[in-house]
Amino acid sequence: LLIRWGCELGLWMFLGFAFQTIGLQYTTAQKSGFLLYLNVKFVPFLAYLLLGRSITLPTYLFAFTAFVGTGLLVCGSGDTTTTKDFLNIGDVWSIAAAAVSAMYILRLEAAAIAVPNAITLNAVCLWFVTFASFLWTLSTILIQQREGEQRSNTT
């Protein structure tokens, strides 16, 4: 049970890190940071969609206000380094990072009940993130190496 929950939480955490890392290649850190904190607003909606929990009117109102505020901050960020559009591909990756981070928060609730030892749960989770990050880094290095060899063979 510990390994199952630790790996699942580690997967959600790794995806959050990975999606934000990809997003940061195409947008500014300022926009990505604002968008990432949409994760808190996503949690009650994911709980509604996946677990059938009800959403109260104040939650709807606060979430709507937060979405509008985030939109105004992102839209008015003065970001001319990427695009003048409201959202670019980096922003979409950052929103995806927020969604999987919200999923992590939601699943952590169930994991904390199922696995009473938070320290070992966290350790397994972080080992999973470490291993997944290592695999991602290794694959990136190998792909870049292969592309470099192909370029040198064509010149």
C-alpha atoms as a PDB file:
ATOM      1  CA  LEU A   1       0.000   0.000   0.000  1.00  0.00           C
ATOM      2  CA  LEU A   2       2.857   2.348   0.846  1.00  0.00           C
ATOM      3  CA  ILE A   3       4.619   1.702  -2.489  1.00  0.00           C
ATOM      4  CA  ARG A   4       1.383   2.082  -4.474  1.00  0.00           C
ATOM      5  CA  TRP A   5       0.455   5.416  -2.893  1.00  0.00           C
ATOM      6  CA  GLY A   6       4.022   6.698  -2.920  1.00  0.00           C
ATOM      7  CA  CYS A   7       4.418   5.909  -6.611  1.00  0.00           C
ATOM      8  CA  GLU A   8       1.063   7.430  -7.522  1.00  0.00           C
ATOM      9  CA  LEU A   9       1.788  10.626  -5.617  1.00  0.00           C
ATOM     10  CA  GLY A  10       5.301  10.669  -7.060  1.00  0.00           C
ATOM     11  CA  LEU A  11       3.863  10.418 -10.559  1.00  0.00           C
ATOM     12  CA  TRP A  12       1.553  13.401 -10.012  1.00  0.00           C
ATOM     13  CA  MET A  13       4.414  15.378  -8.456  1.00  0.00           C
ATOM     14  CA  PHE A  14       6.814  14.504 -11.290  1.00  0.00           C
ATOM     15  CA  LEU A  15       4.252  15.453 -13.938  1.00  0.00           C
ATOM     16  CA  GLY A  16       3.725  18.798 -12.211  1.00  0.00           C
ATOM     17  CA  PHE A  17       7.463  19.491 -12.226  1.00  0.00           C
ATOM     18  CA  ALA A  18       7.880  18.256 -15.801  1.00  0.00           C
ATOM     19  CA  PHE A  19       4.948  20.219 -17.224  1.00  0.00           C
ATOM     20  CA  GLN A  20       6.086  23.405 -15.541  1.00  0.00           C
ATOM     21  CA  THR A  21       9.639  22.867 -16.790  1.00  0.00           C
ATOM     22  CA  ILE A  22       8.387  22.441 -20.349  1.00  0.00           C
ATOM     23  CA  GLY A  23       6.134  25.477 -19.976  1.00  0.00           C
ATOM     24  CA  LEU A  24       9.008  27.632 -18.777  1.00  0.00           C
ATOM     25  CA  GLN A  25      10.741  27.090 -22.115  1.00  0.00           C
ATOM     26  CA  TYR A  26       7.949  29.045 -23.824  1.00  0.00           C
ATOM     27  CA  THR A  27       6.655  31.560 -21.273  1.00  0.00           C
ATOM     28  CA  THR A  28       7.979  33.751 -18.504  1.00  0.00           C
ATOM     29  CA  ALA A  29       8.498  32.626 -14.938  1.00  0.00           C
ATOM     30  CA  GLN A  30       6.072  35.331 -13.816  1.00  0.00           C
ATOM     31  CA  LYS A  31       3.218  33.997 -15.944  1.00  0.00           C
ATOM     32  CA  SER A  32       4.031  30.397 -15.123  1.00  0.00           C
ATOM     33  CA  GLY A  33       4.033  31.155 -11.397  1.00  0.00           C
ATOM     34  CA  PHE A  34       0.648  32.840 -11.499  1.00  0.00           C
ATOM     35  CA  LEU A  35      -0.815  30.037 -13.600  1.00  0.00           C
ATOM     36  CA  LEU A  36       0.631  27.294 -11.390  1.00  0.00           C
ATOM     37  CA  TYR A  37      -1.280  28.624  -8.405  1.00  0.00           C
ATOM     38  CA  LEU A  38      -4.507  27.861 -10.198  1.00  0.00           C
ATOM     39  CA  ASN A  39      -3.953  24.405  -8.682  1.00  0.00           C
ATOM     40  CA  VAL A  40      -5.759  25.475  -5.513  1.00  0.00           C
ATOM     41  CA  LYS A  41      -8.790  26.544  -7.560  1.00  0.00           C
ATOM     42  CA  PHE A  42      -8.784  23.266  -9.509  1.00  0.00           C
ATOM     43  CA  VAL A  43      -8.998  21.008  -6.417  1.00  0.00           C
ATOM     44  CA  PRO A  44     -12.713  21.462  -5.620  1.00  0.00           C
ATOM     45  CA  PHE A  45     -13.652  21.065  -9.279  1.00  0.00           C
ATOM     46  CA  LEU A  46     -11.615  17.879  -9.630  1.00  0.00           C
ATOM     47  CA  ALA A  47     -13.201  16.616  -6.405  1.00  0.00           C
ATOM     48  CA  TYR A  48     -16.609  17.334  -7.936  1.00  0.00           C
ATOM     49  CA  LEU A  49     -15.785  15.646 -11.257  1.00  0.00           C
ATOM     50  CA  LEU A  50     -13.933  12.627  -9.893  1.00  0.00           C
ATOM     51  CA  LEU A  51     -15.423  12.076  -6.446  1.00  0.00           C
ATOM     52  CA  GLY A  52     -18.878  13.585  -6.766  1.00  0.00           C
ATOM     53  CA  ARG A  53     -18.325  16.113  -3.998  1.00  0.00           C
ATOM     54  CA  SER A  54     -20.560  19.140  -4.000  1.00  0.00           C
ATOM     55  CA  ILE A  55     -19.264  22.642  -4.582  1.00  0.00           C
ATOM     56  CA  THR A  56     -20.779  25.430  -2.522  1.00  0.00           C
ATOM     57  CA  LEU A  57     -21.792  28.784  -3.966  1.00  0.00           C
ATOM     58  CA  PRO A  58     -18.999  30.630  -2.111  1.00  0.00           C
ATOM     59  CA  THR A  59     -16.451  28.210  -3.624  1.00  0.00           C
ATOM     60  CA  TYR A  60     -17.792  28.959  -7.105  1.00  0.00           C
ATOM     61  CA  LEU A  61     -17.636  32.698  -6.449  1.00  0.00           C
ATOM     62  CA  PHE A  62     -14.137  32.629  -4.969  1.00  0.00           C
ATOM     63  CA  ALA A  63     -12.844  30.368  -7.746  1.00  0.00           C
ATOM     64  CA  PHE A  64     -14.383  32.605 -10.418  1.00  0.00           C
ATOM     65  CA  THR A  65     -12.826  35.676  -8.792  1.00  0.00           C
ATOM     66  CA  ALA A  66      -9.453  33.928  -8.579  1.00  0.00           C
ATOM     67  CA  PHE A  67      -9.612  32.814 -12.231  1.00  0.00           C
ATOM     68  CA  VAL A  68     -10.488  36.334 -13.364  1.00  0.00           C
ATOM     69  CA  GLY A  69      -7.724  37.829 -11.199  1.00  0.00           C
ATOM     70  CA  THR A  70      -5.168  35.363 -12.504  1.00  0.00           C
ATOM     71  CA  GLY A  71      -6.298  36.082 -16.048  1.00  0.00           C
ATOM     72  CA  LEU A  72      -5.900  39.825 -15.527  1.00  0.00           C
ATOM     73  CA  LEU A  73      -2.442  39.379 -14.016  1.00  0.00           C
ATOM     74  CA  VAL A  74      -1.308  37.079 -16.806  1.00  0.00           C
ATOM     75  CA  CYS A  75      -2.865  39.170 -19.564  1.00  0.00           C
ATOM     76  CA  GLY A  76      -1.481  42.395 -18.155  1.00  0.00           C
ATOM     77  CA  SER A  77       1.977  40.993 -17.426  1.00  0.00           C
ATOM     78  CA  GLY A  78       3.578  43.034 -20.200  1.00  0.00           C
ATOM     79  CA  ASP A  79       5.120  39.832 -21.540  1.00  0.00           C
ATOM     80  CA  THR A  80       6.398  40.724 -24.972  1.00  0.00           C
ATOM     81  CA  THR A  81       9.181  38.145 -25.007  1.00  0.00           C
ATOM     82  CA  THR A  82       6.971  35.275 -26.094  1.00  0.00           C
ATOM     83  CA  THR A  83       3.749  36.457 -27.703  1.00  0.00           C
ATOM     84  CA  LYS A  84       1.120  39.126 -27.306  1.00  0.00           C
ATOM     85  CA  ASP A  85      -1.617  36.506 -27.257  1.00  0.00           C
ATOM     86  CA  PHE A  86      -3.439  35.882 -24.017  1.00  0.00           C
ATOM     87  CA  LEU A  87      -2.171  32.295 -23.822  1.00  0.00           C
ATOM     88  CA  ASN A  88       0.793  30.673 -25.501  1.00  0.00           C
ATOM     89  CA  ILE A  89       1.928  27.049 -25.476  1.00  0.00           C
ATOM     90  CA  GLY A  90       4.041  27.641 -22.358  1.00  0.00           C
ATOM     91  CA  ASP A  91       0.992  28.979 -20.542  1.00  0.00           C
ATOM     92  CA  VAL A  92      -0.969  25.877 -21.540  1.00  0.00           C
ATOM     93  CA  TRP A  93       1.802  23.651 -20.132  1.00  0.00           C
ATOM     94  CA  SER A  94       1.774  25.741 -16.936  1.00  0.00           C
ATOM     95  CA  ILE A  95      -1.997  25.291 -16.610  1.00  0.00           C
ATOM     96  CA  ALA A  96      -1.501  21.551 -17.134  1.00  0.00           C
ATOM     97  CA  ALA A  97       1.091  21.644 -14.335  1.00  0.00           C
ATOM     98  CA  ALA A  98      -1.502  23.314 -12.122  1.00  0.00           C
ATOM     99  CA  ALA A  99      -4.057  20.618 -12.969  1.00  0.00           C
ATOM    100  CA  VAL A 100      -1.740  17.718 -12.117  1.00  0.00           C
ATOM    101  CA  SER A 101      -0.595  19.521  -8.966  1.00  0.00           C
ATOM    102  CA  ALA A 102      -4.260  19.786  -7.980  1.00  0.00           C
ATOM    103  CA  MET A 103      -4.599  16.079  -8.629  1.00  0.00           C
ATOM    104  CA  TYR A 104      -1.621  15.488  -6.326  1.00  0.00           C
ATOM    105  CA  ILE A 105      -3.334  17.490  -3.573  1.00  0.00           C
ATOM    106  CA  LEU A 106      -6.584  15.600  -4.068  1.00  0.00           C
ATOM    107  CA  ARG A 107      -4.940  12.168  -4.041  1.00  0.00           C
ATOM    108  CA  LEU A 108      -2.778  13.093  -1.045  1.00  0.00           C
ATOM    109  CA  GLU A 109      -5.943  13.299   1.023  1.00  0.00           C
ATOM    110  CA  ALA A 110      -6.749   9.635   0.368  1.00  0.00           C
ATOM    111  CA  ALA A 111      -3.115   8.554   0.669  1.00  0.00           C
ATOM    112  CA  ALA A 112      -2.762  10.186   4.085  1.00  0.00           C
ATOM    113  CA  ILE A 113      -5.691   8.111   5.338  1.00  0.00           C
ATOM    114  CA  ALA A 114      -4.442   4.857   3.789  1.00  0.00           C
ATOM    115  CA  VAL A 115      -0.788   5.271   4.839  1.00  0.00           C
ATOM    116  CA  PRO A 116      -0.469   6.574   8.389  1.00  0.00           C
ATOM    117  CA  ASN A 117       3.308   7.142   8.262  1.00  0.00           C
ATOM    118  CA  ALA A 118       3.717  10.430   6.379  1.00  0.00           C
ATOM    119  CA  ILE A 119       7.524  10.297   6.471  1.00  0.00           C
ATOM    120  CA  THR A 120       7.808   6.993   4.631  1.00  0.00           C
ATOM    121  CA  LEU A 121       5.036   7.981   2.205  1.00  0.00           C
ATOM    122  CA  ASN A 122       6.924  11.164   1.398  1.00  0.00           C
ATOM    123  CA  ALA A 123      10.188   9.243   1.012  1.00  0.00           C
ATOM    124  CA  VAL A 124       8.676   6.805  -1.505  1.00  0.00           C
ATOM    125  CA  CYS A 125       7.065   9.705  -3.360  1.00  0.00           C
ATOM    126  CA  LEU A 126      10.346  11.600  -3.602  1.00  0.00           C
ATOM    127  CA  TRP A 127      12.279   8.495  -4.678  1.00  0.00           C
ATOM    128  CA  PHE A 128       9.780   8.026  -7.486  1.00  0.00           C
ATOM    129  CA  VAL A 129      10.248  11.667  -8.548  1.00  0.00           C
ATOM    130  CA  THR A 130      14.025  11.206  -8.418  1.00  0.00           C
ATOM    131  CA  PHE A 131      13.906   8.062 -10.560  1.00  0.00           C
ATOM    132  CA  ALA A 132      11.467   9.564 -13.096  1.00  0.00           C
ATOM    133  CA  SER A 133      13.569  12.742 -13.304  1.00  0.00           C
ATOM    134  CA  PHE A 134      16.686  10.658 -13.881  1.00  0.00           C
ATOM    135  CA  LEU A 135      14.988   8.761 -16.716  1.00  0.00           C
ATOM    136  CA  TRP A 136      13.747  12.006 -18.273  1.00  0.00           C
ATOM    137  CA  THR A 137      17.202  13.577 -18.055  1.00  0.00           C
ATOM    138  CA  LEU A 138      18.898  10.483 -19.464  1.00  0.00           C
ATOM    139  CA  SER A 139      16.461  10.282 -22.376  1.00  0.00           C
ATOM    140  CA  THR A 140      16.942  13.995 -23.100  1.00  0.00           C
ATOM    141  CA  ILE A 141      20.730  13.574 -23.154  1.00  0.00           C
ATOM    142  CA  LEU A 142      20.509  10.550 -25.448  1.00  0.00           C
ATOM    143  CA  ILE A 143      18.129  12.336 -27.832  1.00  0.00           C
ATOM    144  CA  GLN A 144      20.358  15.419 -27.968  1.00  0.00           C
ATOM    145  CA  GLN A 145      23.403  13.238 -28.538  1.00  0.00           C
ATOM    146  CA  ARG A 146      21.684  11.398 -31.394  1.00  0.00           C
ATOM    147  CA  GLU A 147      20.556  14.697 -32.974  1.00  0.00           C
ATOM    148  CA  GLY A 148      24.110  16.030 -32.720  1.00  0.00           C
ATOM    149  CA  GLU A 149      25.495  12.928 -34.422  1.00  0.00           C
ATOM    150  CA  GLN A 150      22.918  13.210 -37.215  1.00  0.00           C
ATOM    151  CA  ARG A 151      23.788  16.876 -37.776  1.00  0.00           C
ATOM    152  CA  SER A 152      27.504  16.124 -37.910  1.00  0.00           C
ATOM    153  CA  ASN A 153      26.904  13.291 -40.414  1.00  0.00           C
ATOM    154  CA  THR A 154      24.933  15.546 -42.767  1.00  0.00           C
ATOM    155  CA  THR A 155      27.578  18.297 -42.877  1.00  0.00           C
END
